[in-house]
Amino acid sequence: MGIEKKVYSFRFDEEMVEKLRAYAAQENRTLSNMIETILLQYLSKRESEGKK
């Protein structure tokens, strides 16, 4: 069975969303996947900073 994911609703500035869509398209990703990737990178960075 696959990984279970929760659905959330957020409000984003439309200009930011359009930029994210463009970057996602360049990387052959969905908008959702792009946002998830960005958040995972942020969390990883914060966690590694906390271990110093």
C-alpha atoms as a PDB file:
ATOM      1  CA  MET A   1       0.000   0.000   0.000  1.00  0.00           C
ATOM      2  CA  GLY A   2       1.239   3.538  -0.779  1.00  0.00           C
ATOM      3  CA  ILE A   3       2.037   6.335   1.594  1.00  0.00           C
ATOM      4  CA  GLU A   4      -1.074   7.926   3.049  1.00  0.00           C
ATOM      5  CA  LYS A   5      -1.138  11.714   2.650  1.00  0.00           C
ATOM      6  CA  LYS A   6      -3.400  14.323   4.199  1.00  0.00           C
ATOM      7  CA  VAL A   7      -5.068  17.071   2.215  1.00  0.00           C
ATOM      8  CA  TYR A   8      -4.699  20.676   3.413  1.00  0.00           C
ATOM      9  CA  SER A   9      -5.917  23.983   2.094  1.00  0.00           C
ATOM     10  CA  PHE A  10      -3.670  27.062   2.019  1.00  0.00           C
ATOM     11  CA  ARG A  11      -4.008  30.579   0.679  1.00  0.00           C
ATOM     12  CA  PHE A  12      -1.149  31.805  -1.496  1.00  0.00           C
ATOM     13  CA  ASP A  13      -0.539  34.988  -3.427  1.00  0.00           C
ATOM     14  CA  GLU A  14      -1.452  34.331  -7.080  1.00  0.00           C
ATOM     15  CA  GLU A  15       1.828  35.776  -8.380  1.00  0.00           C
ATOM     16  CA  MET A  16       3.796  33.385  -6.180  1.00  0.00           C
ATOM     17  CA  VAL A  17       1.679  30.443  -7.351  1.00  0.00           C
ATOM     18  CA  GLU A  18       2.292  31.302 -10.996  1.00  0.00           C
ATOM     19  CA  LYS A  19       6.043  31.423 -10.393  1.00  0.00           C
ATOM     20  CA  LEU A  20       5.899  28.089  -8.568  1.00  0.00           C
ATOM     21  CA  ARG A  21       3.866  26.578 -11.424  1.00  0.00           C
ATOM     22  CA  ALA A  22       6.478  27.732 -13.939  1.00  0.00           C
ATOM     23  CA  TYR A  23       9.357  26.282 -11.906  1.00  0.00           C
ATOM     24  CA  ALA A  24       7.407  23.068 -11.371  1.00  0.00           C
ATOM     25  CA  ALA A  25       6.817  22.737 -15.119  1.00  0.00           C
ATOM     26  CA  GLN A  26      10.546  23.238 -15.786  1.00  0.00           C
ATOM     27  CA  GLU A  27      11.273  20.344 -13.390  1.00  0.00           C
ATOM     28  CA  ASN A  28       8.380  18.224 -14.740  1.00  0.00           C
ATOM     29  CA  ARG A  29       6.603  18.336 -11.368  1.00  0.00           C
ATOM     30  CA  THR A  30       3.088  19.098 -10.263  1.00  0.00           C
ATOM     31  CA  LEU A  31       2.510  22.250  -8.237  1.00  0.00           C
ATOM     32  CA  SER A  32       1.688  20.090  -5.227  1.00  0.00           C
ATOM     33  CA  ASN A  33       4.907  18.104  -5.587  1.00  0.00           C
ATOM     34  CA  MET A  34       6.928  21.306  -5.971  1.00  0.00           C
ATOM     35  CA  ILE A  35       5.503  22.779  -2.765  1.00  0.00           C
ATOM     36  CA  GLU A  36       6.035  19.510  -0.885  1.00  0.00           C
ATOM     37  CA  THR A  37       9.657  19.359  -2.096  1.00  0.00           C
ATOM     38  CA  ILE A  38      10.316  22.956  -1.021  1.00  0.00           C
ATOM     39  CA  LEU A  39       8.843  22.291   2.424  1.00  0.00           C
ATOM     40  CA  LEU A  40      10.839  19.077   2.858  1.00  0.00           C
ATOM     41  CA  GLN A  41      14.054  20.934   1.953  1.00  0.00           C
ATOM     42  CA  TYR A  42      13.203  23.662   4.476  1.00  0.00           C
ATOM     43  CA  LEU A  43      12.553  21.113   7.230  1.00  0.00           C
ATOM     44  CA  SER A  44      15.754  19.243   6.450  1.00  0.00           C
ATOM     45  CA  LYS A  45      17.754  22.471   6.596  1.00  0.00           C
ATOM     46  CA  ARG A  46      16.172  23.523   9.905  1.00  0.00           C
ATOM     47  CA  GLU A  47      16.751  20.107  11.442  1.00  0.00           C
ATOM     48  CA  SER A  48      20.405  20.060  10.397  1.00  0.00           C
ATOM     49  CA  GLU A  49      20.886  23.585  11.819  1.00  0.00           C
ATOM     50  CA  GLY A  50      19.448  22.414  15.126  1.00  0.00           C
ATOM     51  CA  LYS A  51      22.018  19.605  15.428  1.00  0.00           C
ATOM     52  CA  LYS A  52      24.981  22.009  15.376  1.00  0.00           C
END
